[in-house]
PDB file of N, CA and C in Angstrom:
ATOM      1  N   UNK A   1       2.554 -13.450  18.320  1.00  0.00           N
ATOM      2  CA  UNK A   1       1.605 -12.622  17.127  1.00  0.00           C
ATOM      3  C   UNK A   1       0.834 -13.971  16.727  1.00  0.00           C
ATOM      4  N   UNK A   2       1.046 -14.947  16.541  1.00  0.00           N
ATOM      5  CA  UNK A   2      -0.068 -16.023  16.098  1.00  0.00           C
ATOM      6  C   UNK A   2      -1.004 -16.163  17.115  1.00  0.00           C
ATOM      7  N   UNK A   3      -2.163 -16.224  15.947  1.00  0.00           N
ATOM      8  CA  UNK A   3      -3.534 -16.123  16.604  1.00  0.00           C
ATOM      9  C   UNK A   3      -4.318 -14.684  16.727  1.00  0.00           C
ATOM     10  N   UNK A   4      -3.136 -13.751  16.729  1.00  0.00           N
ATOM     11  CA  UNK A   4      -4.098 -12.635  16.775  1.00  0.00           C
ATOM     12  C   UNK A   4      -4.751 -11.966  15.310  1.00  0.00           C
ATOM     13  N   UNK A   5      -5.668 -11.444  15.659  1.00  0.00           N
ATOM     14  CA  UNK A   5      -6.871 -10.560  14.751  1.00  0.00           C
ATOM     15  C   UNK A   5      -5.857  -9.842  13.268  1.00  0.00           C
ATOM     16  N   UNK A   6      -6.570  -9.748  12.640  1.00  0.00           N
ATOM     17  CA  UNK A   6      -5.501  -8.376  11.748  1.00  0.00           C
ATOM     18  C   UNK A   6      -6.990  -7.228  11.840  1.00  0.00           C
ATOM     19  N   UNK A   7      -6.349  -5.870  12.092  1.00  0.00           N
ATOM     20  CA  UNK A   7      -7.204  -5.033  12.126  1.00  0.00           C
ATOM     21  C   UNK A   7      -7.127  -4.201  10.387  1.00  0.00           C
ATOM     22  N   UNK A   8      -8.216  -3.890   9.396  1.00  0.00           N
ATOM     23  CA  UNK A   8      -7.922  -3.541   8.309  1.00  0.00           C
ATOM     24  C   UNK A   8      -8.619  -2.032   8.186  1.00  0.00           C
ATOM     25  N   UNK A   9      -8.327  -1.057   8.329  1.00  0.00           N
ATOM     26  CA  UNK A   9      -8.344   0.074   8.191  1.00  0.00           C
ATOM     27  C   UNK A   9      -8.755   1.010   6.655  1.00  0.00           C
ATOM     28  N   UNK A  10      -9.676   1.013   6.427  1.00  0.00           N
ATOM     29  CA  UNK A  10     -10.011   1.463   4.962  1.00  0.00           C
ATOM     30  C   UNK A  10     -10.105   3.035   5.082  1.00  0.00           C
ATOM     31  N   UNK A  11      -9.683   3.824   3.946  1.00  0.00           N
ATOM     32  CA  UNK A  11      -9.791   5.435   3.805  1.00  0.00           C
ATOM     33  C   UNK A  11     -10.499   5.781   2.126  1.00  0.00           C
ATOM     34  N   UNK A  12     -11.765   5.452   2.241  1.00  0.00           N
ATOM     35  CA  UNK A  12     -12.565   5.214   0.929  1.00  0.00           C
ATOM     36  C   UNK A  12     -13.429   6.545   1.049  1.00  0.00           C
ATOM     37  N   UNK A  13     -13.867   7.383  -0.358  1.00  0.00           N
ATOM     38  CA  UNK A  13     -14.222   8.197  -0.863  1.00  0.00           C
ATOM     39  C   UNK A  13     -14.471   8.165  -2.109  1.00  0.00           C
ATOM     40  N   UNK A  14     -15.674   8.384  -3.074  1.00  0.00           N
ATOM     41  CA  UNK A  14     -15.444   8.825  -3.910  1.00  0.00           C
ATOM     42  C   UNK A  14     -15.089   9.979  -4.664  1.00  0.00           C
ATOM     43  N   UNK A  15     -14.932  11.125  -3.904  1.00  0.00           N
ATOM     44  CA  UNK A  15     -14.776  12.589  -4.079  1.00  0.00           C
ATOM     45  C   UNK A  15     -13.607  12.881  -3.811  1.00  0.00           C
ATOM     46  N   UNK A  16     -12.924  13.594  -4.677  1.00  0.00           N
ATOM     47  CA  UNK A  16     -11.585  13.794  -4.561  1.00  0.00           C
ATOM     48  C   UNK A  16     -11.015  14.904  -3.285  1.00  0.00           C
ATOM     49  N   UNK A  17     -10.007  15.232  -3.000  1.00  0.00           N
ATOM     50  CA  UNK A  17      -9.455  16.343  -2.379  1.00  0.00           C
ATOM     51  C   UNK A  17     -10.338  16.361  -0.731  1.00  0.00           C
ATOM     52  N   UNK A  18     -10.642  15.035  -0.202  1.00  0.00           N
ATOM     53  CA  UNK A  18     -11.388  15.010   1.284  1.00  0.00           C
ATOM     54  C   UNK A  18     -10.160  13.927   2.005  1.00  0.00           C
ATOM     55  N   UNK A  19      -8.829  14.084   1.610  1.00  0.00           N
ATOM     56  CA  UNK A  19      -7.833  13.977   2.550  1.00  0.00           C
ATOM     57  C   UNK A  19      -7.791  12.547   2.677  1.00  0.00           C
ATOM     58  N   UNK A  20      -8.072  11.920   1.666  1.00  0.00           N
ATOM     59  CA  UNK A  20      -7.932   9.870   2.131  1.00  0.00           C
ATOM     60  C   UNK A  20      -6.116   9.896   2.387  1.00  0.00           C
ATOM     61  N   UNK A  21      -5.851  10.203   0.899  1.00  0.00           N
ATOM     62  CA  UNK A  21      -4.416  10.411   1.439  1.00  0.00           C
ATOM     63  C   UNK A  21      -3.151  10.564   2.638  1.00  0.00           C
ATOM     64  N   UNK A  22      -3.704  11.550   3.121  1.00  0.00           N
ATOM     65  CA  UNK A  22      -3.126  12.281   4.104  1.00  0.00           C
ATOM     66  C   UNK A  22      -3.701  11.294   5.563  1.00  0.00           C
ATOM     67  N   UNK A  23      -5.156  11.139   5.820  1.00  0.00           N
ATOM     68  CA  UNK A  23      -5.352  10.464   6.987  1.00  0.00           C
ATOM     69  C   UNK A  23      -4.661   9.055   7.058  1.00  0.00           C
ATOM     70  N   UNK A  24      -4.814   8.397   5.539  1.00  0.00           N
ATOM     71  CA  UNK A  24      -4.205   6.753   5.600  1.00  0.00           C
ATOM     72  C   UNK A  24      -2.550   7.085   5.749  1.00  0.00           C
ATOM     73  N   UNK A  25      -2.184   7.677   5.152  1.00  0.00           N
ATOM     74  CA  UNK A  25      -0.224   7.939   5.598  1.00  0.00           C
ATOM     75  C   UNK A  25       0.177   8.316   6.621  1.00  0.00           C
ATOM     76  N   UNK A  26      -0.879   8.763   7.546  1.00  0.00           N
ATOM     77  CA  UNK A  26      -0.496   9.465   8.905  1.00  0.00           C
ATOM     78  C   UNK A  26      -0.891   8.325   9.606  1.00  0.00           C
ATOM     79  N   UNK A  27      -2.254   7.879   9.374  1.00  0.00           N
ATOM     80  CA  UNK A  27      -2.715   6.813  10.528  1.00  0.00           C
ATOM     81  C   UNK A  27      -1.391   5.563  10.164  1.00  0.00           C
ATOM     82  N   UNK A  28      -1.351   5.208   8.829  1.00  0.00           N
ATOM     83  CA  UNK A  28      -0.009   4.039   8.840  1.00  0.00           C
ATOM     84  C   UNK A  28       1.186   4.325   9.464  1.00  0.00           C
ATOM     85  N   UNK A  29       1.919   5.394   9.168  1.00  0.00           N
ATOM     86  CA  UNK A  29       3.258   6.010   9.532  1.00  0.00           C
ATOM     87  C   UNK A  29       2.911   5.545  11.145  1.00  0.00           C
ATOM     88  N   UNK A  30       1.481   6.509  11.600  1.00  0.00           N
ATOM     89  CA  UNK A  30       1.785   6.505  13.423  1.00  0.00           C
ATOM     90  C   UNK A  30       1.440   5.226  13.905  1.00  0.00           C
ATOM     91  N   UNK A  31       0.609   4.283  13.541  1.00  0.00           N
ATOM     92  CA  UNK A  31       0.387   2.646  13.653  1.00  0.00           C
ATOM     93  C   UNK A  31       2.085   1.887  13.947  1.00  0.00           C
ATOM     94  N   UNK A  32       3.021   2.608  12.771  1.00  0.00           N
ATOM     95  CA  UNK A  32       3.800   1.780  12.440  1.00  0.00           C
ATOM     96  C   UNK A  32       4.986   2.286  14.036  1.00  0.00           C
ATOM     97  N   UNK A  33       4.678   3.649  13.786  1.00  0.00           N
ATOM     98  CA  UNK A  33       5.918   4.296  15.045  1.00  0.00           C
ATOM     99  C   UNK A  33       5.401   3.872  16.576  1.00  0.00           C
ATOM    100  N   UNK A  34       4.629   3.308  16.628  1.00  0.00           N
ATOM    101  CA  UNK A  34       3.752   2.362  17.979  1.00  0.00           C
ATOM    102  C   UNK A  34       4.270   0.992  17.771  1.00  0.00           C
ATOM    103  N   UNK A  35       4.541   0.681  17.581  1.00  0.00           N
ATOM    104  CA  UNK A  35       5.149  -0.879  17.347  1.00  0.00           C
ATOM    105  C   UNK A  35       4.252  -1.466  16.531  1.00  0.00           C
ATOM    106  N   UNK A  36       3.435  -1.374  15.394  1.00  0.00           N
ATOM    107  CA  UNK A  36       2.411  -2.073  15.290  1.00  0.00           C
ATOM    108  C   UNK A  36       2.962  -2.148  13.416  1.00  0.00           C
ATOM    109  N   UNK A  37       2.866  -3.534  13.274  1.00  0.00           N
ATOM    110  CA  UNK A  37       2.639  -4.028  11.503  1.00  0.00           C
ATOM    111  C   UNK A  37       1.837  -3.478  10.826  1.00  0.00           C
ATOM    112  N   UNK A  38       2.128  -2.835   9.696  1.00  0.00           N
ATOM    113  CA  UNK A  38       1.382  -2.049   9.311  1.00  0.00           C
ATOM    114  C   UNK A  38       1.896  -2.047   7.334  1.00  0.00           C
ATOM    115  N   UNK A  39       0.546  -2.523   6.492  1.00  0.00           N
ATOM    116  CA  UNK A  39       0.748  -2.806   5.244  1.00  0.00           C
ATOM    117  C   UNK A  39      -0.058  -1.620   4.463  1.00  0.00           C
ATOM    118  N   UNK A  40       0.162  -0.677   3.683  1.00  0.00           N
ATOM    119  CA  UNK A  40      -0.569   0.414   3.011  1.00  0.00           C
ATOM    120  C   UNK A  40      -0.604  -0.221   1.889  1.00  0.00           C
ATOM    121  N   UNK A  41      -1.860  -0.243   1.344  1.00  0.00           N
ATOM    122  CA  UNK A  41      -2.124  -0.543   0.043  1.00  0.00           C
ATOM    123  C   UNK A  41      -2.851   0.449  -0.746  1.00  0.00           C
ATOM    124  N   UNK A  42      -2.296   1.104  -1.982  1.00  0.00           N
ATOM    125  CA  UNK A  42      -2.549   2.122  -2.703  1.00  0.00           C
ATOM    126  C   UNK A  42      -3.547   1.563  -4.058  1.00  0.00           C
ATOM    127  N   UNK A  43      -4.660   1.810  -3.868  1.00  0.00           N
ATOM    128  CA  UNK A  43      -5.545   1.009  -4.739  1.00  0.00           C
ATOM    129  C   UNK A  43      -6.122   2.301  -6.231  1.00  0.00           C
ATOM    130  N   UNK A  44      -5.224   3.511  -6.479  1.00  0.00           N
ATOM    131  CA  UNK A  44      -5.399   4.383  -7.219  1.00  0.00           C
ATOM    132  C   UNK A  44      -4.559   4.979  -8.353  1.00  0.00           C
ATOM    133  N   UNK A  45      -5.181   4.597  -9.408  1.00  0.00           N
ATOM    134  CA  UNK A  45      -3.966   4.733 -10.654  1.00  0.00           C
ATOM    135  C   UNK A  45      -2.750   5.609 -10.827  1.00  0.00           C
ATOM    136  N   UNK A  46      -3.479   7.055  -9.599  1.00  0.00           N
ATOM    137  CA  UNK A  46      -2.465   8.231  -9.708  1.00  0.00           C
ATOM    138  C   UNK A  46      -1.668   7.921  -9.042  1.00  0.00           C
ATOM    139  N   UNK A  47      -1.750   7.480  -7.915  1.00  0.00           N
ATOM    140  CA  UNK A  47      -0.533   6.851  -7.231  1.00  0.00           C
ATOM    141  C   UNK A  47      -0.132   7.903  -6.246  1.00  0.00           C
ATOM    142  N   UNK A  48      -0.957   8.418  -5.699  1.00  0.00           N
ATOM    143  CA  UNK A  48      -0.558   9.914  -4.659  1.00  0.00           C
ATOM    144  C   UNK A  48      -0.252   9.180  -3.662  1.00  0.00           C
ATOM    145  N   UNK A  49      -0.937   8.069  -2.848  1.00  0.00           N
ATOM    146  CA  UNK A  49      -0.265   7.480  -1.721  1.00  0.00           C
ATOM    147  C   UNK A  49       1.083   6.913  -2.092  1.00  0.00           C
ATOM    148  N   UNK A  50       1.114   6.255  -2.978  1.00  0.00           N
ATOM    149  CA  UNK A  50       2.681   5.646  -3.114  1.00  0.00           C
ATOM    150  C   UNK A  50       3.849   6.709  -3.417  1.00  0.00           C
ATOM    151  N   UNK A  51       3.534   8.394  -3.695  1.00  0.00           N
ATOM    152  CA  UNK A  51       4.000   9.292  -4.071  1.00  0.00           C
ATOM    153  C   UNK A  51       4.565   9.623  -2.555  1.00  0.00           C
ATOM    154  N   UNK A  52       3.476  10.175  -1.924  1.00  0.00           N
ATOM    155  CA  UNK A  52       3.491  10.330  -0.399  1.00  0.00           C
ATOM    156  C   UNK A  52       4.179   9.351   0.364  1.00  0.00           C
ATOM    157  N   UNK A  53       4.564   8.165   0.184  1.00  0.00           N
ATOM    158  CA  UNK A  53       5.547   7.877   1.041  1.00  0.00           C
ATOM    159  C   UNK A  53       6.956   7.502   0.169  1.00  0.00           C
ATOM    160  N   UNK A  54       6.894   7.985  -0.865  1.00  0.00           N
ATOM    161  CA  UNK A  54       8.567   8.994  -1.225  1.00  0.00           C
ATOM    162  C   UNK A  54       9.282   7.990  -2.665  1.00  0.00           C
ATOM    163  N   UNK A  55       7.935   7.232  -3.087  1.00  0.00           N
ATOM    164  CA  UNK A  55       8.891   6.811  -4.310  1.00  0.00           C
ATOM    165  C   UNK A  55       7.985   8.082  -4.980  1.00  0.00           C
ATOM    166  N   UNK A  56       8.716   8.495  -6.023  1.00  0.00           N
ATOM    167  CA  UNK A  56       8.723   9.526  -6.748  1.00  0.00           C
ATOM    168  C   UNK A  56       8.665   8.705  -8.213  1.00  0.00           C
ATOM    169  N   UNK A  57       8.750   7.586  -8.514  1.00  0.00           N
ATOM    170  CA  UNK A  57       8.483   6.939  -9.660  1.00  0.00           C
ATOM    171  C   UNK A  57       7.382   5.797  -9.996  1.00  0.00           C
ATOM    172  N   UNK A  58       6.421   6.008  -9.561  1.00  0.00           N
ATOM    173  CA  UNK A  58       5.542   4.580  -9.436  1.00  0.00           C
ATOM    174  C   UNK A  58       5.615   4.112 -10.418  1.00  0.00           C
ATOM    175  N   UNK A  59       5.733   4.092 -11.862  1.00  0.00           N
ATOM    176  CA  UNK A  59       6.247   3.665 -13.052  1.00  0.00           C
ATOM    177  C   UNK A  59       7.303   2.598 -12.833  1.00  0.00           C
ATOM    178  N   UNK A  60       8.297   2.747 -11.708  1.00  0.00           N
ATOM    179  CA  UNK A  60       9.389   1.645 -11.834  1.00  0.00           C
ATOM    180  C   UNK A  60       9.230   0.883 -10.585  1.00  0.00           C
ATOM    181  N   UNK A  61       8.117   0.983  -9.835  1.00  0.00           N
ATOM    182  CA  UNK A  61       8.130  -0.173  -8.864  1.00  0.00           C
ATOM    183  C   UNK A  61       8.585  -1.478  -9.021  1.00  0.00           C
ATOM    184  N   UNK A  62       9.105  -2.507  -8.799  1.00  0.00           N
ATOM    185  CA  UNK A  62       9.133  -3.745  -9.063  1.00  0.00           C
ATOM    186  C   UNK A  62       8.142  -4.499  -8.860  1.00  0.00           C
ATOM    187  N   UNK A  63       7.029  -4.169  -7.558  1.00  0.00           N
ATOM    188  CA  UNK A  63       6.234  -5.237  -7.326  1.00  0.00           C
ATOM    189  C   UNK A  63       5.291  -4.097  -6.479  1.00  0.00           C
ATOM    190  N   UNK A  64       4.194  -4.169  -7.440  1.00  0.00           N
ATOM    191  CA  UNK A  64       2.736  -3.308  -7.090  1.00  0.00           C
ATOM    192  C   UNK A  64       1.541  -4.045  -6.635  1.00  0.00           C
ATOM    193  N   UNK A  65       0.365  -3.562  -6.025  1.00  0.00           N
ATOM    194  CA  UNK A  65      -0.371  -3.923  -6.005  1.00  0.00           C
ATOM    195  C   UNK A  65      -1.249  -4.623  -7.362  1.00  0.00           C
ATOM    196  N   UNK A  66      -1.484  -4.218  -8.725  1.00  0.00           N
ATOM    197  CA  UNK A  66      -1.717  -4.942  -9.455  1.00  0.00           C
ATOM    198  C   UNK A  66      -1.093  -6.091 -10.071  1.00  0.00           C
ATOM    199  N   UNK A  67       0.505  -5.981  -9.754  1.00  0.00           N
ATOM    200  CA  UNK A  67       1.251  -7.127 -10.182  1.00  0.00           C
ATOM    201  C   UNK A  67       0.945  -8.212  -9.092  1.00  0.00           C
ATOM    202  N   UNK A  68       0.153  -8.228  -7.774  1.00  0.00           N
ATOM    203  CA  UNK A  68       0.128  -9.044  -7.105  1.00  0.00           C
ATOM    204  C   UNK A  68      -1.362  -9.363  -7.582  1.00  0.00           C
ATOM    205  N   UNK A  69      -2.222  -8.485  -7.862  1.00  0.00           N
ATOM    206  CA  UNK A  69      -3.418  -8.561  -8.116  1.00  0.00           C
ATOM    207  C   UNK A  69      -3.471  -9.471  -9.316  1.00  0.00           C
ATOM    208  N   UNK A  70      -2.897  -9.606 -10.391  1.00  0.00           N
ATOM    209  CA  UNK A  70      -2.634 -10.143 -11.898  1.00  0.00           C
ATOM    210  C   UNK A  70      -2.526 -11.794 -11.183  1.00  0.00           C
ATOM    211  N   UNK A  71      -1.253 -12.106 -10.563  1.00  0.00           N
ATOM    212  CA  UNK A  71      -1.321 -12.884  -9.582  1.00  0.00           C
ATOM    213  C   UNK A  71      -1.974 -13.922  -9.352  1.00  0.00           C
ATOM    214  N   UNK A  72      -3.168 -13.215  -8.640  1.00  0.00           N
ATOM    215  CA  UNK A  72      -4.363 -14.296  -8.223  1.00  0.00           C
ATOM    216  C   UNK A  72      -5.390 -14.643  -9.166  1.00  0.00           C
ATOM    217  N   UNK A  73      -5.739 -13.527 -10.327  1.00  0.00           N
ATOM    218  CA  UNK A  73      -6.623 -13.555 -11.694  1.00  0.00           C
ATOM    219  C   UNK A  73      -5.687 -14.864 -12.504  1.00  0.00           C
ATOM    220  N   UNK A  74      -4.312 -14.953 -12.562  1.00  0.00           N
ATOM    221  CA  UNK A  74      -3.723 -15.664 -13.113  1.00  0.00           C
ATOM    222  C   UNK A  74      -3.514 -17.416 -12.879  1.00  0.00           C
ATOM    223  N   UNK A  75      -3.717 -17.314 -11.353  1.00  0.00           N
ATOM    224  CA  UNK A  75      -3.516 -18.804 -10.420  1.00  0.00           C
ATOM    225  C   UNK A  75      -2.103 -18.784 -10.437  1.00  0.00           C
ATOM    226  N   UNK A  76      -0.962 -17.519 -10.387  1.00  0.00           N
ATOM    227  CA  UNK A  76       0.463 -18.068 -10.180  1.00  0.00           C
ATOM    228  C   UNK A  76       0.535 -17.464  -8.699  1.00  0.00           C
ATOM    229  N   UNK A  77       1.750 -17.806  -8.217  1.00  0.00           N
ATOM    230  CA  UNK A  77       2.843 -17.810  -6.796  1.00  0.00           C
ATOM    231  C   UNK A  77       2.963 -16.240  -7.203  1.00  0.00           C
ATOM    232  N   UNK A  78       2.678 -15.925  -5.626  1.00  0.00           N
ATOM    233  CA  UNK A  78       3.032 -14.398  -5.442  1.00  0.00           C
ATOM    234  C   UNK A  78       4.381 -14.316  -5.707  1.00  0.00           C
ATOM    235  N   UNK A  79       4.870 -12.347  -6.002  1.00  0.00           N
ATOM    236  CA  UNK A  79       6.231 -12.749  -6.102  1.00  0.00           C
ATOM    237  C   UNK A  79       6.961 -12.759  -4.687  1.00  0.00           C
ATOM    238  N   UNK A  80       8.173 -13.337  -4.537  1.00  0.00           N
ATOM    239  CA  UNK A  80       8.536 -13.566  -3.369  1.00  0.00           C
ATOM    240  C   UNK A  80       9.002 -12.109  -3.286  1.00  0.00           C
ATOM    241  N   UNK A  81       9.390 -10.892  -3.633  1.00  0.00           N
ATOM    242  CA  UNK A  81      10.058  -9.850  -3.243  1.00  0.00           C
ATOM    243  C   UNK A  81       9.456  -9.398  -2.426  1.00  0.00           C
ATOM    244  N   UNK A  82       9.998  -8.592  -1.351  1.00  0.00           N
ATOM    245  CA  UNK A  82       9.399  -7.991  -0.133  1.00  0.00           C
ATOM    246  C   UNK A  82       8.702  -6.321  -0.514  1.00  0.00           C
ATOM    247  N   UNK A  83       7.569  -6.022  -0.192  1.00  0.00           N
ATOM    248  CA  UNK A  83       7.376  -4.691  -0.805  1.00  0.00           C
ATOM    249  C   UNK A  83       7.582  -3.651  -0.150  1.00  0.00           C
ATOM    250  N   UNK A  84       8.170  -2.663  -1.044  1.00  0.00           N
ATOM    251  CA  UNK A  84       8.813  -1.767  -0.558  1.00  0.00           C
ATOM    252  C   UNK A  84       8.541  -0.867   1.033  1.00  0.00           C
ATOM    253  N   UNK A  85       9.455  -0.699   1.692  1.00  0.00           N
ATOM    254  CA  UNK A  85       9.110  -0.224   2.833  1.00  0.00           C
ATOM    255  C   UNK A  85       9.094   1.385   3.159  1.00  0.00           C
ATOM    256  N   UNK A  86       8.359   1.716   3.791  1.00  0.00           N
ATOM    257  CA  UNK A  86       7.883   3.133   4.352  1.00  0.00           C
ATOM    258  C   UNK A  86       8.473   3.265   6.054  1.00  0.00           C
ATOM    259  N   UNK A  87       9.381   3.014   5.932  1.00  0.00           N
ATOM    260  CA  UNK A  87       9.873   2.737   7.531  1.00  0.00           C
ATOM    261  C   UNK A  87      10.252   1.416   8.471  1.00  0.00           C
ATOM    262  N   UNK A  88      10.778   1.243   9.232  1.00  0.00           N
ATOM    263  CA  UNK A  88      10.952   0.201   9.992  1.00  0.00           C
ATOM    264  C   UNK A  88       9.900  -1.379   9.859  1.00  0.00           C
ATOM    265  N   UNK A  89       8.692  -0.575  10.237  1.00  0.00           N
ATOM    266  CA  UNK A  89       7.352  -1.593  10.442  1.00  0.00           C
ATOM    267  C   UNK A  89       6.477  -1.486   9.585  1.00  0.00           C
ATOM    268  N   UNK A  90       6.678  -0.647   8.786  1.00  0.00           N
ATOM    269  CA  UNK A  90       5.252  -0.719   7.697  1.00  0.00           C
ATOM    270  C   UNK A  90       5.841  -0.149   6.247  1.00  0.00           C
ATOM    271  N   UNK A  91       4.980  -1.565   5.220  1.00  0.00           N
ATOM    272  CA  UNK A  91       5.521  -1.863   4.314  1.00  0.00           C
ATOM    273  C   UNK A  91       4.117  -1.184   3.452  1.00  0.00           C
ATOM    274  N   UNK A  92       4.765  -0.975   2.093  1.00  0.00           N
ATOM    275  CA  UNK A  92       3.502  -0.814   1.261  1.00  0.00           C
ATOM    276  C   UNK A  92       3.138  -1.352  -0.167  1.00  0.00           C
ATOM    277  N   UNK A  93       2.061  -1.435  -0.672  1.00  0.00           N
ATOM    278  CA  UNK A  93       2.387  -2.111  -2.180  1.00  0.00           C
ATOM    279  C   UNK A  93       1.670  -0.709  -2.723  1.00  0.00           C
ATOM    280  N   UNK A  94       2.579  -0.265  -3.854  1.00  0.00           N
ATOM    281  CA  UNK A  94       2.291   1.000  -4.505  1.00  0.00           C
ATOM    282  C   UNK A  94       1.359   0.619  -6.009  1.00  0.00           C
ATOM    283  N   UNK A  95       0.980   1.762  -6.319  1.00  0.00           N
ATOM    284  CA  UNK A  95       0.017   1.654  -7.409  1.00  0.00           C
ATOM    285  C   UNK A  95       0.697   2.566  -8.244  1.00  0.00           C
ATOM    286  N   UNK A  96       0.319   1.918  -9.971  1.00  0.00           N
ATOM    287  CA  UNK A  96       0.565   2.613 -10.931  1.00  0.00           C
ATOM    288  C   UNK A  96      -0.357   2.907 -11.969  1.00  0.00           C
ATOM    289  N   UNK A  97      -0.325   3.522 -13.135  1.00  0.00           N
ATOM    290  CA  UNK A  97      -1.189   3.104 -14.496  1.00  0.00           C
ATOM    291  C   UNK A  97      -1.678   1.771 -14.748  1.00  0.00           C
ATOM    292  N   UNK A  98      -0.658   0.838 -14.200  1.00  0.00           N
ATOM    293  CA  UNK A  98      -1.179  -0.960 -14.599  1.00  0.00           C
ATOM    294  C   UNK A  98      -2.435  -0.964 -13.575  1.00  0.00           C
ATOM    295  N   UNK A  99      -2.814  -0.241 -12.482  1.00  0.00           N
ATOM    296  CA  UNK A  99      -3.901  -0.595 -11.552  1.00  0.00           C
ATOM    297  C   UNK A  99      -5.298  -0.304 -12.627  1.00  0.00           C
ATOM    298  N   UNK A 100      -5.444   0.412 -13.814  1.00  0.00           N
ATOM    299  CA  UNK A 100      -6.449   1.021 -13.966  1.00  0.00           C
ATOM    300  C   UNK A 100      -7.112   0.424 -15.571  1.00  0.00           C
TER     301      UNK A 100
END
């Protein structure tokens, strides 16, 4: 896999209720089921993506996108802990209120 380009898909819209969470979850899980390595990132403080991927208590996530972004700002090394998995080849960085 060395040297292969990474593809980035973003489901974004300011309006709520336009199926961003459903689309990105289904796309990510579908790609993972077809052997692709997937990282889903939830950037919404409501944590709908995180909850839809099975994490019912987003505030209890050990590593979130907020914790990782704060490491960048503080110029500290990333947490070595792997992000939670949503299947065998699908990881996700969840969100909670700390992202807001």
